[in-house]
């Protein structure tokens, strides 16, 4: 499990600088399958059925609630895409990677 998964999100006020490219590239190595796309980090999962998809969505919602850091999700019958960015700073922060690592620790997909 990534050490990121052991951390907790913190409040980042407007004006906090987003992560630079070198930091993004380094942190992406800790969350397999996640990609930097524009102003977000994102990953998609496929499942066997709707029940498994919704169980995953609910687990992500629980993580987001606990960390007070909420992703955008696209959900279909047997798929889910999760995108994180830190809206208060207009870019990507360590908080996004912390939540991604916690999702990876679920062992989904």
N, C-alpha and C. Protein backbone atom coordinates (compact mmCIF):
# COMPACT_ATOMS: atom_id res chain seq x y z
N UNK A 1 0.85 -1.18 0.00
CA UNK A 1 0.00 0.00 0.00
C UNK A 1 0.90 1.24 0.00
N UNK A 2 0.51 2.23 -0.76
CA UNK A 2 1.24 3.49 -0.85
C UNK A 2 1.20 4.23 0.48
N UNK A 3 2.30 4.91 0.80
CA UNK A 3 2.31 5.74 2.01
C UNK A 3 1.30 6.86 1.91
N UNK A 4 0.93 7.22 0.69
CA UNK A 4 -0.11 8.25 0.51
C UNK A 4 -1.42 7.83 1.15
N UNK A 5 -1.72 6.54 1.10
CA UNK A 5 -2.98 6.03 1.64
C UNK A 5 -3.06 6.19 3.16
N UNK A 6 -1.93 6.39 3.80
CA UNK A 6 -1.90 6.57 5.25
C UNK A 6 -2.07 8.03 5.65
N UNK A 7 -2.02 8.94 4.68
CA UNK A 7 -2.14 10.36 4.97
C UNK A 7 -3.61 10.78 4.93
N UNK A 8 -3.87 12.02 5.33
CA UNK A 8 -5.22 12.59 5.26
C UNK A 8 -5.16 13.91 4.52
N UNK A 9 -6.23 14.22 3.83
CA UNK A 9 -6.32 15.48 3.09
C UNK A 9 -6.33 16.65 4.07
N UNK A 10 -5.80 17.77 3.60
CA UNK A 10 -5.81 18.98 4.42
C UNK A 10 -6.41 20.11 3.60
N UNK A 11 -6.92 21.08 4.29
CA UNK A 11 -7.52 22.24 3.65
C UNK A 11 -6.45 23.04 2.93
N UNK A 12 -6.73 23.40 1.68
CA UNK A 12 -5.80 24.20 0.89
C UNK A 12 -6.50 25.48 0.46
N UNK A 13 -6.07 26.61 0.96
CA UNK A 13 -6.73 27.87 0.61
C UNK A 13 -6.43 28.29 -0.82
N UNK A 14 -7.32 29.10 -1.37
CA UNK A 14 -7.08 29.68 -2.69
C UNK A 14 -5.73 30.37 -2.65
N UNK A 15 -5.01 30.27 -3.75
CA UNK A 15 -3.68 30.86 -3.82
C UNK A 15 -2.58 29.85 -3.59
N UNK A 16 -2.94 28.66 -3.04
CA UNK A 16 -1.96 27.59 -2.90
C UNK A 16 -1.59 27.11 -4.30
N UNK A 17 -0.32 26.94 -4.55
CA UNK A 17 0.13 26.52 -5.88
C UNK A 17 -0.18 25.05 -6.12
N UNK A 18 -0.70 24.72 -7.32
CA UNK A 18 -0.87 23.32 -7.67
C UNK A 18 0.49 22.64 -7.79
N UNK A 19 0.49 21.32 -7.83
CA UNK A 19 1.73 20.58 -8.00
C UNK A 19 2.35 20.86 -9.36
N UNK A 20 3.67 20.87 -9.39
CA UNK A 20 4.39 21.01 -10.65
C UNK A 20 4.50 19.68 -11.36
N UNK A 21 4.94 19.72 -12.60
CA UNK A 21 5.01 18.51 -13.44
C UNK A 21 5.88 17.42 -12.80
N UNK A 22 7.02 17.78 -12.25
CA UNK A 22 7.91 16.78 -11.65
C UNK A 22 7.24 16.11 -10.46
N UNK A 23 6.53 16.89 -9.64
CA UNK A 23 5.81 16.33 -8.50
C UNK A 23 4.69 15.41 -8.97
N UNK A 24 3.96 15.84 -10.00
CA UNK A 24 2.88 15.01 -10.55
C UNK A 24 3.43 13.67 -11.03
N UNK A 25 4.50 13.72 -11.81
CA UNK A 25 5.08 12.49 -12.35
C UNK A 25 5.54 11.55 -11.25
N UNK A 26 6.12 12.11 -10.20
CA UNK A 26 6.59 11.30 -9.08
C UNK A 26 5.42 10.64 -8.35
N UNK A 27 4.38 11.41 -8.06
CA UNK A 27 3.23 10.87 -7.33
C UNK A 27 2.42 9.89 -8.16
N UNK A 28 2.37 10.08 -9.48
CA UNK A 28 1.64 9.14 -10.34
C UNK A 28 2.20 7.72 -10.23
N UNK A 29 3.49 7.59 -9.95
CA UNK A 29 4.11 6.27 -9.79
C UNK A 29 3.54 5.51 -8.60
N UNK A 30 2.95 6.25 -7.67
CA UNK A 30 2.40 5.61 -6.46
C UNK A 30 0.94 5.18 -6.61
N UNK A 31 0.31 5.56 -7.72
CA UNK A 31 -1.10 5.20 -7.93
C UNK A 31 -1.23 4.58 -9.33
N UNK A 32 -0.99 3.28 -9.43
CA UNK A 32 -0.97 2.59 -10.72
C UNK A 32 -2.27 2.79 -11.51
N UNK A 33 -2.12 3.08 -12.78
CA UNK A 33 -3.28 3.20 -13.66
C UNK A 33 -3.89 4.59 -13.71
N UNK A 34 -3.51 5.46 -12.80
CA UNK A 34 -4.02 6.83 -12.82
C UNK A 34 -3.22 7.63 -13.82
N UNK A 35 -3.89 8.57 -14.47
CA UNK A 35 -3.24 9.39 -15.49
C UNK A 35 -3.52 10.87 -15.23
N UNK A 36 -2.58 11.68 -15.60
CA UNK A 36 -2.74 13.13 -15.54
C UNK A 36 -3.35 13.56 -16.87
N UNK A 37 -4.57 14.09 -16.80
CA UNK A 37 -5.31 14.49 -18.00
C UNK A 37 -5.80 15.93 -17.78
N UNK A 38 -5.15 16.89 -18.42
CA UNK A 38 -5.54 18.29 -18.23
C UNK A 38 -5.32 18.72 -16.80
N UNK A 39 -6.40 19.12 -16.13
CA UNK A 39 -6.33 19.61 -14.76
C UNK A 39 -6.80 18.58 -13.74
N UNK A 40 -6.80 17.28 -14.11
CA UNK A 40 -7.25 16.23 -13.19
C UNK A 40 -6.31 15.03 -13.25
N UNK A 41 -6.42 14.18 -12.23
CA UNK A 41 -5.90 12.82 -12.34
C UNK A 41 -7.12 11.93 -12.43
N UNK A 42 -7.04 10.89 -13.25
CA UNK A 42 -8.23 10.08 -13.53
C UNK A 42 -7.87 8.61 -13.72
N UNK A 43 -8.87 7.77 -13.44
CA UNK A 43 -8.75 6.34 -13.70
C UNK A 43 -10.14 5.77 -13.93
N UNK A 44 -10.22 4.75 -14.78
CA UNK A 44 -11.48 4.06 -15.07
C UNK A 44 -11.39 2.61 -14.63
N UNK A 45 -12.52 2.08 -14.18
CA UNK A 45 -12.64 0.68 -13.78
C UNK A 45 -13.79 0.03 -14.53
N UNK A 46 -13.67 -1.27 -14.73
CA UNK A 46 -14.76 -2.08 -15.31
C UNK A 46 -15.14 -3.14 -14.29
N UNK A 47 -16.43 -3.46 -14.25
CA UNK A 47 -16.95 -4.43 -13.30
C UNK A 47 -17.83 -5.44 -14.03
N UNK A 48 -18.18 -6.52 -13.35
CA UNK A 48 -19.00 -7.56 -13.97
C UNK A 48 -20.46 -7.17 -14.07
N UNK A 49 -20.92 -6.33 -13.14
CA UNK A 49 -22.35 -6.02 -13.12
C UNK A 49 -22.60 -4.70 -12.38
N UNK A 50 -23.84 -4.31 -12.38
CA UNK A 50 -24.25 -3.04 -11.76
C UNK A 50 -24.01 -3.05 -10.25
N UNK A 51 -24.29 -4.16 -9.62
CA UNK A 51 -24.11 -4.26 -8.17
C UNK A 51 -22.66 -3.97 -7.78
N UNK A 52 -21.71 -4.60 -8.48
CA UNK A 52 -20.30 -4.37 -8.17
C UNK A 52 -19.90 -2.92 -8.45
N UNK A 53 -20.42 -2.37 -9.52
CA UNK A 53 -20.14 -0.97 -9.84
C UNK A 53 -20.61 -0.06 -8.71
N UNK A 54 -21.84 -0.27 -8.27
CA UNK A 54 -22.39 0.60 -7.22
C UNK A 54 -21.69 0.39 -5.87
N UNK A 55 -21.26 -0.82 -5.59
CA UNK A 55 -20.50 -1.06 -4.36
C UNK A 55 -19.20 -0.26 -4.40
N UNK A 56 -18.55 -0.23 -5.57
CA UNK A 56 -17.33 0.56 -5.72
C UNK A 56 -17.63 2.05 -5.56
N UNK A 57 -18.68 2.53 -6.22
CA UNK A 57 -19.06 3.95 -6.12
C UNK A 57 -19.32 4.32 -4.66
N UNK A 58 -20.01 3.49 -3.93
CA UNK A 58 -20.29 3.77 -2.52
C UNK A 58 -19.01 3.78 -1.68
N UNK A 59 -18.07 2.89 -1.99
CA UNK A 59 -16.80 2.88 -1.27
C UNK A 59 -16.02 4.17 -1.55
N UNK A 60 -16.02 4.62 -2.80
CA UNK A 60 -15.36 5.88 -3.15
C UNK A 60 -16.04 7.04 -2.44
N UNK A 61 -17.36 7.03 -2.40
CA UNK A 61 -18.10 8.10 -1.71
C UNK A 61 -17.74 8.14 -0.23
N UNK A 62 -17.57 6.98 0.39
CA UNK A 62 -17.19 6.92 1.81
C UNK A 62 -15.81 7.53 2.02
N UNK A 63 -14.85 7.18 1.15
CA UNK A 63 -13.50 7.75 1.23
C UNK A 63 -13.58 9.27 1.05
N UNK A 64 -14.30 9.72 0.04
CA UNK A 64 -14.42 11.15 -0.23
C UNK A 64 -15.02 11.89 0.96
N UNK A 65 -16.03 11.31 1.56
CA UNK A 65 -16.66 11.93 2.73
C UNK A 65 -15.68 12.03 3.89
N UNK A 66 -14.98 10.95 4.18
CA UNK A 66 -14.02 10.95 5.29
C UNK A 66 -12.90 11.94 5.08
N UNK A 67 -12.47 12.10 3.85
CA UNK A 67 -11.35 13.01 3.55
C UNK A 67 -11.83 14.42 3.22
N UNK A 68 -13.13 14.61 3.08
CA UNK A 68 -13.71 15.90 2.68
C UNK A 68 -13.05 16.40 1.39
N UNK A 69 -12.89 15.47 0.45
CA UNK A 69 -12.29 15.77 -0.85
C UNK A 69 -13.02 14.90 -1.88
N UNK A 70 -13.80 15.53 -2.73
CA UNK A 70 -14.78 14.82 -3.53
C UNK A 70 -14.43 14.81 -5.01
N UNK A 71 -14.48 13.62 -5.64
CA UNK A 71 -14.16 13.51 -7.06
C UNK A 71 -15.39 13.76 -7.93
N UNK A 72 -15.13 13.89 -9.21
CA UNK A 72 -16.19 13.79 -10.21
C UNK A 72 -16.18 12.33 -10.65
N UNK A 73 -17.37 11.75 -10.76
CA UNK A 73 -17.46 10.35 -11.19
C UNK A 73 -18.45 10.22 -12.33
N UNK A 74 -18.09 9.38 -13.29
CA UNK A 74 -18.99 9.00 -14.37
C UNK A 74 -19.29 7.52 -14.16
N UNK A 75 -20.57 7.18 -14.06
CA UNK A 75 -20.96 5.82 -13.71
C UNK A 75 -21.89 5.25 -14.77
N UNK A 76 -21.63 4.01 -15.17
CA UNK A 76 -22.51 3.27 -16.06
C UNK A 76 -22.80 1.91 -15.46
N UNK A 77 -23.46 1.07 -16.20
CA UNK A 77 -23.86 -0.25 -15.70
C UNK A 77 -22.68 -1.03 -15.11
N UNK A 78 -21.58 -1.10 -15.85
CA UNK A 78 -20.44 -1.90 -15.38
C UNK A 78 -19.12 -1.15 -15.48
N UNK A 79 -19.19 0.18 -15.30
CA UNK A 79 -17.96 0.97 -15.39
C UNK A 79 -18.08 2.21 -14.50
N UNK A 80 -16.91 2.71 -14.12
CA UNK A 80 -16.86 3.95 -13.35
C UNK A 80 -15.53 4.65 -13.65
N UNK A 81 -15.61 5.93 -13.88
CA UNK A 81 -14.42 6.76 -14.06
C UNK A 81 -14.41 7.77 -12.92
N UNK A 82 -13.24 7.90 -12.28
CA UNK A 82 -13.08 8.82 -11.16
C UNK A 82 -12.03 9.86 -11.55
N UNK A 83 -12.37 11.12 -11.32
CA UNK A 83 -11.46 12.22 -11.60
C UNK A 83 -11.32 13.09 -10.36
N UNK A 84 -10.08 13.39 -10.00
CA UNK A 84 -9.80 14.27 -8.88
C UNK A 84 -9.05 15.51 -9.34
N UNK A 85 -9.43 16.63 -8.77
CA UNK A 85 -8.67 17.87 -8.84
C UNK A 85 -9.03 18.66 -7.59
N UNK A 86 -8.22 19.66 -7.29
CA UNK A 86 -8.48 20.47 -6.10
C UNK A 86 -9.00 21.81 -6.57
N UNK A 87 -10.30 21.96 -6.52
CA UNK A 87 -10.96 23.15 -7.08
C UNK A 87 -10.50 24.44 -6.43
N UNK A 88 -10.23 24.40 -5.13
CA UNK A 88 -9.85 25.63 -4.42
C UNK A 88 -8.53 26.22 -4.92
N UNK A 89 -7.68 25.39 -5.52
CA UNK A 89 -6.40 25.90 -6.03
C UNK A 89 -6.33 25.88 -7.56
N UNK A 90 -7.38 25.37 -8.20
CA UNK A 90 -7.42 25.35 -9.66
C UNK A 90 -6.41 24.41 -10.29
N UNK A 91 -6.15 23.29 -9.63
CA UNK A 91 -5.20 22.33 -10.17
C UNK A 91 -5.16 21.07 -9.34
N UNK A 92 -4.05 20.38 -9.43
CA UNK A 92 -3.89 19.09 -8.75
C UNK A 92 -3.01 19.29 -7.52
N UNK A 93 -3.44 18.67 -6.41
CA UNK A 93 -2.69 18.75 -5.15
C UNK A 93 -2.41 17.35 -4.63
N UNK A 94 -1.64 17.28 -3.55
CA UNK A 94 -1.38 16.00 -2.91
C UNK A 94 -2.69 15.36 -2.45
N UNK A 95 -3.69 16.17 -2.08
CA UNK A 95 -4.98 15.62 -1.66
C UNK A 95 -5.56 14.68 -2.70
N UNK A 96 -5.42 15.04 -3.98
CA UNK A 96 -5.95 14.20 -5.05
C UNK A 96 -5.27 12.84 -5.06
N UNK A 97 -3.97 12.84 -4.84
CA UNK A 97 -3.22 11.58 -4.82
C UNK A 97 -3.51 10.77 -3.55
N UNK A 98 -3.75 11.44 -2.44
CA UNK A 98 -4.11 10.74 -1.21
C UNK A 98 -5.40 9.95 -1.43
N UNK A 99 -6.39 10.60 -2.01
CA UNK A 99 -7.66 9.90 -2.26
C UNK A 99 -7.50 8.80 -3.30
N UNK A 100 -6.72 9.05 -4.33
CA UNK A 100 -6.46 8.01 -5.34
C UNK A 100 -5.81 6.79 -4.69
N UNK A 101 -4.85 7.02 -3.81
CA UNK A 101 -4.17 5.91 -3.13
C UNK A 101 -5.14 5.15 -2.24
N UNK A 102 -6.03 5.84 -1.57
CA UNK A 102 -7.02 5.16 -0.72
C UNK A 102 -7.96 4.31 -1.56
N UNK A 103 -8.32 4.79 -2.76
CA UNK A 103 -9.15 3.99 -3.67
C UNK A 103 -8.38 2.77 -4.13
N UNK A 104 -7.11 2.95 -4.46
CA UNK A 104 -6.29 1.80 -4.87
C UNK A 104 -6.22 0.76 -3.77
N UNK A 105 -6.20 1.20 -2.52
CA UNK A 105 -6.10 0.27 -1.39
C UNK A 105 -7.35 -0.60 -1.26
N UNK A 106 -8.45 -0.19 -1.92
CA UNK A 106 -9.67 -1.00 -1.92
C UNK A 106 -9.45 -2.32 -2.65
N UNK A 107 -8.52 -2.33 -3.60
CA UNK A 107 -8.28 -3.53 -4.39
C UNK A 107 -9.36 -3.81 -5.40
N UNK A 108 -10.07 -2.77 -5.84
CA UNK A 108 -11.17 -2.92 -6.80
C UNK A 108 -10.64 -3.18 -8.20
N UNK A 109 -11.46 -3.87 -8.97
CA UNK A 109 -11.17 -4.05 -10.39
C UNK A 109 -10.09 -4.99 -10.58
